[in-house]
């Protein structure tokens, strides 16, 4: 439980951000580690609330009061054991998750919630630094082989769980290196790639094989070819088809998707070719007010943009939890990320009408929904961060109506299986099933799909955790 009176004695205090003039000149992570004393103090705020709604708010069912207590007492081994029991990658979620657990924290009813996400980060980092177990070792080999297609959070979680059960696991990734959006969709200032590489080394050491440069479908091996010789296939394709803004001028050069922008920036930073979409000296307009838009904003700051404006068609969210989004739900409230603190303009209630230019975009025409004013703003680079509309299914033979939902995601049964013909069962999980969502949901679905695969292969009960049910099973 931590200290019985900690929540009465200590205010919420998150980690310190590095100074803005310093951090926008490099790509290192924004936040600094906290001291053990600070972590203990923050963990001590965890109440003896009786019913830990934080655990229910977490799709993984993390044992939050228990690892908080371990952090409070500096019992890192106990804290890590409890955390890694339910979360394969707390070093990722501790950096990237929007923390629905904190929205469900009982303390948050009348005070600021516990800094659960950051305590999770600290527990994970202490585990790695102290050589504590950070993965489950398989007890015995089963002789079964599973192929996982996609190496984002869902695919990695499924692979880790299946290997822990003793199955041989190969992960196929179409990019040149594994990680999915963790590698090319999340900028370095939020997740340094050394953290990803550290986890991949743990997985390789456990016997998981990563094969990159393999795009299953129209531009590579067929699903049937991948399934041949495997006892099961898990599709963790993600939701990678971008939602576009089809207005006049959308074909102009300089109108790009967020993933194209972030990927080229990430590749350039990793030593690849200079990004053709570099924002240096340009007036950048980002269309979309979510986390991906904020990632683009922070990237543009670090590239030296002349100006950056983030445009959102929706109204500005309220500063406080609205009445129609009561505790313990995760409310939609106004959010200021570290990237927003670094500068730039934010516009809400603004509709994009057209992109202007000859050959290349030079301005954006928009309408303010509150005033009705139509105006133009300079735009040498427009980044569309309006979300995603489902997985890419070209050449997979899975686009039939009976295999997809109304949201263009893969349809699965309550056992995570895709109802496709063939002797090798095909399972699916993550954003390909759920649609664009949070990293914590992807990991939870990967773990649950792995449990279903293990149950099928054994023909009996599985010891693997299944924290969530398929979102699309009832569609």
Protein backbone atom coordinates (compact mmCIF):
# COMPACT_ATOMS: atom_id res chain seq x y z
CA UNK A 1 0.00 0.00 0.00
CA UNK A 2 2.86 2.39 0.59
CA UNK A 3 2.54 4.95 3.37
CA UNK A 4 -0.97 5.12 4.91
CA UNK A 5 -0.76 8.92 5.02
CA UNK A 6 1.45 9.62 2.01
CA UNK A 7 -1.39 11.04 -0.07
CA UNK A 8 -2.10 13.55 2.70
CA UNK A 9 1.51 14.61 3.09
CA UNK A 10 2.87 14.88 -0.44
CA UNK A 11 1.63 16.61 -3.60
CA UNK A 12 1.91 15.00 -6.98
CA UNK A 13 5.29 15.68 -8.55
CA UNK A 14 6.20 14.33 -11.96
CA UNK A 15 9.69 14.12 -13.43
CA UNK A 16 11.60 17.26 -14.38
CA UNK A 17 11.83 18.12 -18.04
CA UNK A 18 15.18 19.16 -19.42
CA UNK A 19 15.32 22.90 -20.23
CA UNK A 20 13.60 23.74 -23.50
CA UNK A 21 16.57 25.62 -25.05
CA UNK A 22 18.70 22.52 -24.43
CA UNK A 23 16.36 19.73 -25.44
CA UNK A 24 15.19 21.23 -28.74
CA UNK A 25 18.82 21.13 -29.88
CA UNK A 26 19.13 17.38 -29.42
CA UNK A 27 16.94 14.29 -29.65
CA UNK A 28 17.38 12.85 -26.17
CA UNK A 29 14.35 12.05 -24.06
CA UNK A 30 12.65 15.07 -22.52
CA UNK A 31 12.29 13.87 -18.94
CA UNK A 32 15.04 13.16 -16.45
CA UNK A 33 15.01 10.17 -14.08
CA UNK A 34 13.85 10.89 -10.54
CA UNK A 35 15.89 10.10 -7.45
CA UNK A 36 14.99 7.02 -5.44
CA UNK A 37 13.76 9.32 -2.68
CA UNK A 38 11.45 11.14 -5.10
CA UNK A 39 10.12 7.86 -6.48
CA UNK A 40 9.48 6.57 -2.96
CA UNK A 41 7.64 9.77 -2.06
CA UNK A 42 5.41 9.63 -5.11
CA UNK A 43 4.71 5.91 -4.67
CA UNK A 44 3.77 6.59 -1.05
CA UNK A 45 0.74 8.57 -2.30
CA UNK A 46 -0.92 5.28 -3.33
CA UNK A 47 -3.88 4.94 -0.96
CA UNK A 48 -5.30 1.92 0.80
CA UNK A 49 -8.38 2.44 -1.36
CA UNK A 50 -9.86 -1.02 -0.91
CA UNK A 51 -10.78 -1.53 -4.55
CA UNK A 52 -7.88 -0.59 -6.89
CA UNK A 53 -9.79 0.98 -9.75
CA UNK A 54 -6.40 1.81 -11.29
CA UNK A 55 -5.91 -1.90 -11.96
CA UNK A 56 -9.32 -2.06 -13.60
CA UNK A 57 -8.53 1.05 -15.62
CA UNK A 58 -5.38 -0.60 -16.99
CA UNK A 59 -6.10 -2.95 -19.92
CA UNK A 60 -3.19 -5.12 -18.72
CA UNK A 61 -4.56 -5.38 -15.20
CA UNK A 62 -1.27 -4.16 -13.75
CA UNK A 63 -0.96 -4.77 -9.99
CA UNK A 64 -0.40 -1.10 -9.39
CA UNK A 65 -0.78 -0.85 -5.59
CA UNK A 66 1.68 -3.73 -5.17
CA UNK A 67 4.46 -2.33 -7.34
CA UNK A 68 3.83 1.12 -5.86
CA UNK A 69 4.42 -0.38 -2.43
CA UNK A 70 7.63 -2.02 -3.67
CA UNK A 71 8.85 1.30 -5.07
CA UNK A 72 7.96 3.08 -1.84
CA UNK A 73 10.04 0.59 0.15
CA UNK A 74 12.84 0.49 -2.47
CA UNK A 75 12.15 -3.23 -2.85
CA UNK A 76 12.87 -3.13 -6.56
CA UNK A 77 12.93 -6.90 -6.98
CA UNK A 78 9.38 -7.25 -5.64
CA UNK A 79 8.15 -4.25 -7.59
CA UNK A 80 9.67 -5.55 -10.83
CA UNK A 81 8.34 -9.07 -10.29
CA UNK A 82 4.82 -7.73 -9.93
CA UNK A 83 5.09 -5.31 -12.85
CA UNK A 84 6.64 -7.68 -15.38
CA UNK A 85 4.11 -10.36 -14.43
CA UNK A 86 1.40 -8.40 -16.22
CA UNK A 87 3.29 -6.13 -18.62
CA UNK A 88 5.96 -7.38 -21.01
CA UNK A 89 7.25 -3.89 -21.78
CA UNK A 90 6.82 -1.41 -18.92
CA UNK A 91 9.86 0.46 -20.22
CA UNK A 92 7.67 1.37 -23.23
CA UNK A 93 4.39 2.07 -21.47
CA UNK A 94 6.20 4.02 -18.75
CA UNK A 95 7.25 6.44 -21.48
CA UNK A 96 4.39 6.34 -23.97
CA UNK A 97 1.12 5.31 -22.36
CA UNK A 98 -1.46 8.08 -21.72
CA UNK A 99 -2.16 6.29 -18.43
CA UNK A 100 -5.84 5.37 -18.24
CA UNK A 101 -4.88 3.92 -14.85
CA UNK A 102 -4.29 7.44 -13.54
CA UNK A 103 -7.73 8.54 -14.76
CA UNK A 104 -9.14 5.68 -12.65
CA UNK A 105 -7.00 6.38 -9.55
CA UNK A 106 -9.23 6.76 -6.48
CA UNK A 107 -7.04 9.57 -5.20
CA UNK A 108 -7.88 11.41 -8.43
CA UNK A 109 -11.50 11.87 -7.33
CA UNK A 110 -10.53 14.77 -5.11
CA UNK A 111 -6.82 15.30 -5.68
CA UNK A 112 -4.14 14.77 -8.29
CA UNK A 113 -3.74 11.04 -9.01
CA UNK A 114 -0.64 9.00 -8.24
CA UNK A 115 2.14 9.26 -10.84
CA UNK A 116 1.58 5.62 -11.79
CA UNK A 117 3.11 5.84 -15.25
CA UNK A 118 6.34 7.34 -13.99
CA UNK A 119 6.66 4.89 -11.10
CA UNK A 120 6.27 2.15 -13.72
CA UNK A 121 9.09 3.71 -15.73
CA UNK A 122 11.35 3.84 -12.69
CA UNK A 123 10.62 0.24 -11.66
CA UNK A 124 11.44 -0.98 -15.17
CA UNK A 125 14.66 1.02 -15.37
CA UNK A 126 15.78 -0.19 -11.94
CA UNK A 127 15.11 -3.77 -13.04
CA UNK A 128 17.34 -3.43 -16.10
CA UNK A 129 20.05 -1.59 -14.19
CA UNK A 130 20.13 -4.19 -11.40
CA UNK A 131 20.03 -7.24 -13.65
CA UNK A 132 16.63 -8.35 -12.37
CA UNK A 133 14.46 -10.64 -14.52
CA UNK A 134 12.71 -8.65 -17.26
CA UNK A 135 11.27 -11.56 -19.24
CA UNK A 136 9.85 -15.01 -18.56
CA UNK A 137 12.13 -17.90 -19.51
CA UNK A 138 10.43 -20.90 -21.17
CA UNK A 139 10.37 -23.94 -18.91
CA UNK A 140 10.27 -26.51 -21.70
CA UNK A 141 10.13 -26.58 -25.50
CA UNK A 142 6.83 -27.63 -27.07
CA UNK A 143 8.11 -28.35 -30.56
CA UNK A 144 5.49 -26.04 -32.04
CA UNK A 145 6.30 -23.09 -34.31
CA UNK A 146 4.39 -19.81 -34.52
CA UNK A 147 4.92 -16.99 -37.02
CA UNK A 148 4.03 -13.47 -35.92
CA UNK A 149 3.53 -10.94 -38.71
CA UNK A 150 4.33 -7.45 -37.48
CA UNK A 151 6.73 -6.28 -34.78
CA UNK A 152 4.87 -3.40 -33.19
CA UNK A 153 3.79 -3.57 -29.54
CA UNK A 154 1.06 -6.18 -30.16
CA UNK A 155 3.32 -8.43 -32.22
CA UNK A 156 6.20 -8.14 -29.77
CA UNK A 157 3.91 -8.94 -26.82
CA UNK A 158 2.45 -11.97 -28.59
CA UNK A 159 5.93 -13.18 -29.53
CA UNK A 160 7.26 -12.75 -25.98
CA UNK A 161 4.35 -14.64 -24.46
CA UNK A 162 4.44 -17.47 -26.98
CA UNK A 163 8.17 -17.92 -26.45
CA UNK A 164 7.62 -17.95 -22.68
CA UNK A 165 5.20 -20.84 -23.27
CA UNK A 166 7.97 -22.78 -25.01
CA UNK A 167 6.99 -22.35 -28.65
CA UNK A 168 9.49 -21.47 -31.38
CA UNK A 169 8.65 -17.97 -32.59
CA UNK A 170 9.64 -16.09 -35.73
CA UNK A 171 8.59 -12.46 -36.19
CA UNK A 172 8.29 -11.11 -39.74
CA UNK A 173 8.65 -7.37 -40.23
CA UNK A 174 8.37 -5.49 -43.52
CA UNK A 175 10.69 -2.67 -42.45
CA UNK A 176 14.45 -2.99 -42.30
CA UNK A 177 14.46 -3.31 -38.51
CA UNK A 178 11.94 -4.56 -35.94
CA UNK A 179 9.81 -2.37 -33.70
CA UNK A 180 6.97 -1.16 -35.91
CA UNK A 181 5.70 2.23 -34.78
CA UNK A 182 8.04 2.05 -31.79
CA UNK A 183 10.93 2.44 -34.21
CA UNK A 184 9.67 4.69 -36.98
CA UNK A 185 6.49 6.22 -35.55
CA UNK A 186 7.62 7.38 -32.10
CA UNK A 187 10.27 10.13 -32.15
CA UNK A 188 13.53 9.75 -30.29
CA UNK A 189 12.71 12.45 -27.74
CA UNK A 190 9.89 10.25 -26.43
CA UNK A 191 11.56 6.84 -26.81
CA UNK A 192 15.28 6.62 -27.44
CA UNK A 193 15.88 3.68 -29.72
CA UNK A 194 18.49 2.27 -27.35
CA UNK A 195 15.51 1.34 -25.14
CA UNK A 196 13.89 -0.56 -28.00
CA UNK A 197 17.16 -2.26 -28.91
CA UNK A 198 17.67 -3.30 -25.28
CA UNK A 199 14.32 -5.09 -25.30
CA UNK A 200 14.93 -6.70 -28.69
CA UNK A 201 18.21 -8.12 -27.40
CA UNK A 202 16.35 -9.68 -24.48
CA UNK A 203 13.89 -11.26 -26.91
CA UNK A 204 16.63 -12.53 -29.22
CA UNK A 205 18.46 -14.02 -26.25
CA UNK A 206 15.25 -15.87 -25.39
CA UNK A 207 15.31 -17.46 -28.85
CA UNK A 208 12.87 -15.29 -30.79
CA UNK A 209 13.92 -14.86 -34.42
CA UNK A 210 13.33 -11.55 -36.20
CA UNK A 211 13.27 -11.58 -40.00
CA UNK A 212 13.03 -8.12 -41.53
CA UNK A 213 12.38 -6.87 -45.04
CA UNK A 214 9.51 -9.33 -45.49
CA UNK A 215 6.19 -7.81 -46.51
CA UNK A 216 3.52 -10.48 -46.42
CA UNK A 217 0.91 -9.96 -49.12
CA UNK A 218 0.97 -8.33 -52.54
CA UNK A 219 4.67 -7.39 -52.42
CA UNK A 220 6.02 -10.50 -50.71
CA UNK A 221 5.15 -14.03 -49.66
CA UNK A 222 1.49 -14.93 -49.45
CA UNK A 223 -0.23 -15.65 -46.17
CA UNK A 224 -0.47 -19.27 -47.24
CA UNK A 225 3.28 -19.41 -47.82
CA UNK A 226 3.95 -17.92 -44.38
CA UNK A 227 1.55 -20.39 -42.78
CA UNK A 228 3.21 -23.37 -44.47
CA UNK A 229 5.31 -25.21 -41.94
CA UNK A 230 3.91 -23.18 -39.04
CA UNK A 231 1.50 -24.43 -36.41
CA UNK A 232 -0.14 -21.01 -36.11
CA UNK A 233 0.12 -17.49 -37.50
CA UNK A 234 -0.55 -14.28 -35.56
CA UNK A 235 -1.31 -11.13 -37.57
CA UNK A 236 -0.26 -7.97 -35.74
CA UNK A 237 -0.41 -5.67 -38.74
CA UNK A 238 -1.33 -2.47 -36.97
CA UNK A 239 -3.66 0.19 -38.33
CA UNK A 240 -1.43 1.88 -40.86
CA UNK A 241 -3.71 3.31 -43.54
CA UNK A 242 -3.70 7.05 -42.87
CA UNK A 243 -6.87 9.12 -42.82
CA UNK A 244 -6.34 11.72 -45.55
CA UNK A 245 -7.88 15.16 -45.96
CA UNK A 246 -9.31 15.25 -49.45
CA UNK A 247 -9.58 18.93 -50.29
CA UNK A 248 -8.37 20.90 -53.33
CA UNK A 249 -4.59 20.88 -53.50
CA UNK A 250 -4.10 17.65 -51.55
CA UNK A 251 -1.90 16.37 -54.39
CA UNK A 252 0.66 19.17 -53.98
CA UNK A 253 4.20 18.38 -52.97
CA UNK A 254 4.77 19.16 -49.32
CA UNK A 255 1.41 17.74 -48.21
CA UNK A 256 2.49 14.62 -46.35
CA UNK A 257 1.18 12.10 -43.84
CA UNK A 258 2.43 12.10 -40.27
CA UNK A 259 3.96 8.64 -40.55
CA UNK A 260 5.90 9.58 -43.68
CA UNK A 261 7.20 12.67 -41.91
CA UNK A 262 8.12 10.89 -38.67
CA UNK A 263 9.67 7.91 -40.44
CA UNK A 264 11.95 9.98 -42.66
CA UNK A 265 13.00 12.01 -39.62
CA UNK A 266 13.73 8.85 -37.67
CA UNK A 267 15.70 7.27 -40.47
CA UNK A 268 17.80 10.39 -40.94
CA UNK A 269 18.53 10.49 -37.22
CA UNK A 270 19.57 6.82 -37.32
CA UNK A 271 22.20 7.62 -39.94
CA UNK A 272 20.14 7.25 -43.09
CA UNK A 273 19.67 9.72 -45.91
CA UNK A 274 18.70 13.29 -44.99
CA UNK A 275 14.95 13.66 -44.71
CA UNK A 276 13.35 15.15 -47.83
CA UNK A 277 10.61 16.40 -45.51
CA UNK A 278 12.91 18.23 -43.11
CA UNK A 279 11.11 21.19 -41.54
CA UNK A 280 14.20 23.40 -41.25
CA UNK A 281 13.28 26.99 -42.18
CA UNK A 282 9.76 26.02 -43.21
CA UNK A 283 6.35 27.17 -42.04
CA UNK A 284 4.82 23.89 -40.85
CA UNK A 285 1.12 23.22 -40.40
CA UNK A 286 0.10 20.02 -38.61
CA UNK A 287 -3.48 18.88 -39.17
CA UNK A 288 -4.60 16.91 -36.14
CA UNK A 289 -4.54 17.71 -32.44
CA UNK A 290 -3.74 14.28 -31.00
CA UNK A 291 -0.58 12.64 -29.73
CA UNK A 292 0.74 11.93 -33.23
CA UNK A 293 0.33 15.61 -34.08
CA UNK A 294 2.27 16.49 -30.93
CA UNK A 295 5.03 14.08 -31.99
CA UNK A 296 5.22 15.91 -35.31
CA UNK A 297 5.28 19.23 -33.45
CA UNK A 298 8.26 18.23 -31.30
CA UNK A 299 10.04 16.88 -34.37
CA UNK A 300 9.52 20.14 -36.28
CA UNK A 301 10.91 22.11 -33.33
CA UNK A 302 14.07 20.00 -33.35
CA UNK A 303 14.47 20.32 -37.11
CA UNK A 304 14.41 24.12 -36.84
CA UNK A 305 11.04 25.03 -38.37
CA UNK A 306 10.42 28.74 -38.99
CA UNK A 307 6.95 28.36 -37.45
CA UNK A 308 4.65 25.53 -36.44
CA UNK A 309 0.86 25.62 -36.20
CA UNK A 310 -1.20 22.64 -35.04
CA UNK A 311 -4.75 22.73 -36.38
CA UNK A 312 -7.65 20.71 -34.93
CA UNK A 313 -11.14 20.58 -36.41
CA UNK A 314 -12.69 19.74 -33.04
CA UNK A 315 -13.43 22.30 -30.35
CA UNK A 316 -10.89 22.92 -27.61
CA UNK A 317 -11.41 20.31 -24.87
CA UNK A 318 -12.25 21.53 -21.37
CA UNK A 319 -9.55 21.95 -18.73
CA UNK A 320 -11.44 19.84 -16.19
CA UNK A 321 -13.18 16.48 -16.41
CA UNK A 322 -16.62 17.09 -17.99
CA UNK A 323 -19.77 15.80 -16.31
CA UNK A 324 -20.50 13.33 -19.11
CA UNK A 325 -17.08 11.66 -18.66
CA UNK A 326 -17.13 10.81 -14.94
CA UNK A 327 -14.46 9.08 -12.92
CA UNK A 328 -13.09 6.42 -13.49
CA UNK A 329 -13.38 6.88 -17.26
CA UNK A 330 -10.52 8.43 -19.20
CA UNK A 331 -11.78 11.95 -19.99
CA UNK A 332 -11.04 14.05 -23.03
CA UNK A 333 -9.51 17.17 -21.53
CA UNK A 334 -7.13 19.84 -22.76
CA UNK A 335 -3.63 18.42 -22.85
CA UNK A 336 -0.32 20.23 -23.03
CA UNK A 337 2.53 17.91 -23.96
CA UNK A 338 6.24 18.65 -23.69
CA UNK A 339 6.21 19.50 -27.41
CA UNK A 340 3.50 22.12 -26.90
CA UNK A 341 5.56 23.67 -24.11
CA UNK A 342 8.38 24.12 -26.62
CA UNK A 343 6.40 26.56 -28.75
CA UNK A 344 4.11 26.79 -31.74
CA UNK A 345 0.49 27.87 -32.17
CA UNK A 346 -2.59 25.72 -31.57
CA UNK A 347 -5.89 26.36 -33.36
CA UNK A 348 -9.11 24.53 -32.53
CA UNK A 349 -12.51 24.54 -34.27
CA UNK A 350 -10.70 25.05 -37.58
CA UNK A 351 -11.65 23.30 -40.83
CA UNK A 352 -9.16 22.88 -43.66
CA UNK A 353 -10.70 24.05 -46.96
CA UNK A 354 -7.82 23.85 -49.44
CA UNK A 355 -4.05 23.63 -49.88
CA UNK A 356 -2.72 26.42 -52.06
CA UNK A 357 0.27 26.39 -54.36
CA UNK A 358 1.61 25.57 -57.82
CA UNK A 359 3.44 22.28 -57.76
CA UNK A 360 4.25 22.71 -54.07
CA UNK A 361 2.11 23.88 -51.20
CA UNK A 362 2.75 27.40 -49.92
CA UNK A 363 -0.40 28.15 -47.92
CA UNK A 364 -3.47 26.64 -46.32
CA UNK A 365 -7.00 28.02 -46.52
CA UNK A 366 -9.20 27.31 -43.50
CA UNK A 367 -12.41 28.33 -41.77
CA UNK A 368 -12.83 29.15 -38.09
CA UNK A 369 -16.02 27.37 -37.02
CA UNK A 370 -16.62 29.74 -34.12
CA UNK A 371 -16.44 33.00 -36.08
CA UNK A 372 -17.08 31.79 -39.62
CA UNK A 373 -13.93 33.59 -40.78
CA UNK A 374 -12.14 32.14 -43.80
CA UNK A 375 -8.41 32.83 -43.68
CA UNK A 376 -5.09 31.68 -45.08
CA UNK A 377 -1.86 30.82 -43.31
CA UNK A 378 1.63 30.17 -44.74
CA UNK A 379 2.45 26.47 -45.10
CA UNK A 380 5.62 25.20 -46.78
CA UNK A 381 5.05 21.77 -45.23
CA UNK A 382 1.67 20.30 -44.25
CA UNK A 383 1.66 17.17 -42.08
CA UNK A 384 -1.62 15.27 -41.87
CA UNK A 385 -1.96 13.66 -38.45
CA UNK A 386 -5.66 12.84 -38.65
CA UNK A 387 -5.43 9.22 -37.51
CA UNK A 388 -5.68 5.88 -39.27
CA UNK A 389 -8.48 3.91 -40.88
CA UNK A 390 -7.43 0.27 -40.58
CA UNK A 391 -4.78 -2.28 -41.51
CA UNK A 392 -3.25 -2.73 -44.94
CA UNK A 393 -4.67 -6.00 -46.28
CA UNK A 394 -3.46 -5.90 -49.89
CA UNK A 395 -2.67 -9.37 -51.17
CA UNK A 396 -3.47 -11.11 -47.91
CA UNK A 397 -6.80 -12.49 -49.07
CA UNK A 398 -8.50 -11.03 -46.00
CA UNK A 399 -10.49 -8.17 -47.48
CA UNK A 400 -13.73 -10.14 -47.92
CA UNK A 401 -16.73 -8.68 -46.04
CA UNK A 402 -17.02 -11.70 -43.78
CA UNK A 403 -13.40 -11.21 -42.66
CA UNK A 404 -13.58 -7.50 -41.88
CA UNK A 405 -15.72 -5.28 -39.69
CA UNK A 406 -17.61 -2.10 -40.50
CA UNK A 407 -14.48 -0.24 -39.38
CA UNK A 408 -12.31 -2.03 -41.98
CA UNK A 409 -10.48 -3.95 -39.25
CA UNK A 410 -9.98 -7.71 -39.11
CA UNK A 411 -12.88 -9.70 -37.72
CA UNK A 412 -11.94 -12.23 -35.07
CA UNK A 413 -13.94 -14.62 -32.94
CA UNK A 414 -13.82 -14.78 -29.18
CA UNK A 415 -10.72 -16.97 -29.55
CA UNK A 416 -8.88 -14.26 -31.54
CA UNK A 417 -9.04 -16.39 -34.71
CA UNK A 418 -9.66 -14.90 -38.13
CA UNK A 419 -12.34 -17.02 -39.88
CA UNK A 420 -10.14 -17.77 -42.89
CA UNK A 421 -9.92 -21.15 -44.61
CA UNK A 422 -6.74 -23.18 -44.26
CA UNK A 423 -5.17 -25.92 -42.22
CA UNK A 424 -3.00 -23.52 -40.22
CA UNK A 425 -5.05 -21.34 -37.84
CA UNK A 426 -4.65 -17.58 -38.22
CA UNK A 427 -5.07 -15.27 -35.24
CA UNK A 428 -5.00 -11.47 -35.13
CA UNK A 429 -4.57 -8.79 -32.47
CA UNK A 430 -3.73 -5.17 -31.81
CA UNK A 431 -4.77 -2.21 -33.93
CA UNK A 432 -5.50 -4.49 -36.90
CA UNK A 433 -8.45 -5.76 -34.85
CA UNK A 434 -9.22 -2.94 -32.47
CA UNK A 435 -8.49 -0.02 -34.73
CA UNK A 436 -6.15 2.84 -33.85
CA UNK A 437 -5.66 2.72 -30.11
CA UNK A 438 -3.18 2.93 -27.23
CA UNK A 439 0.08 1.05 -26.76
CA UNK A 440 -1.26 -0.53 -23.57
CA UNK A 441 -4.22 -1.98 -25.48
CA UNK A 442 -1.87 -3.35 -28.15
CA UNK A 443 0.23 -5.15 -25.54
CA UNK A 444 -2.88 -6.45 -23.78
CA UNK A 445 -4.31 -7.80 -27.04
CA UNK A 446 -0.97 -9.38 -27.98
CA UNK A 447 -0.88 -11.18 -24.63
CA UNK A 448 -4.47 -12.33 -24.96
CA UNK A 449 -4.03 -13.59 -28.52
CA UNK A 450 -0.92 -15.49 -27.42
CA UNK A 451 -2.96 -17.20 -24.72
CA UNK A 452 -5.52 -18.25 -27.33
CA UNK A 453 -2.78 -19.60 -29.60
CA UNK A 454 -1.18 -21.53 -26.73
CA UNK A 455 -4.55 -22.97 -25.73
CA UNK A 456 -5.14 -24.13 -29.30
CA UNK A 457 -1.70 -25.67 -29.70
CA UNK A 458 -1.89 -27.52 -26.41
CA UNK A 459 -5.49 -28.54 -26.79
CA UNK A 460 -5.84 -27.73 -23.14
CA UNK A 461 -5.81 -24.86 -20.68
CA UNK A 462 -3.04 -22.29 -20.95
CA UNK A 463 -1.02 -20.68 -18.19
CA UNK A 464 -0.66 -17.47 -20.21
CA UNK A 465 -2.61 -14.41 -19.12
CA UNK A 466 -5.51 -13.14 -21.24
CA UNK A 467 -6.29 -9.68 -19.84
CA UNK A 468 -8.78 -8.56 -22.50
CA UNK A 469 -11.38 -9.99 -24.86
CA UNK A 470 -11.44 -9.25 -28.60
CA UNK A 471 -12.94 -5.86 -29.28
CA UNK A 472 -14.35 -6.96 -32.64
CA UNK A 473 -15.72 -10.34 -31.59
CA UNK A 474 -19.29 -9.05 -31.43
CA UNK A 475 -19.28 -7.21 -34.75
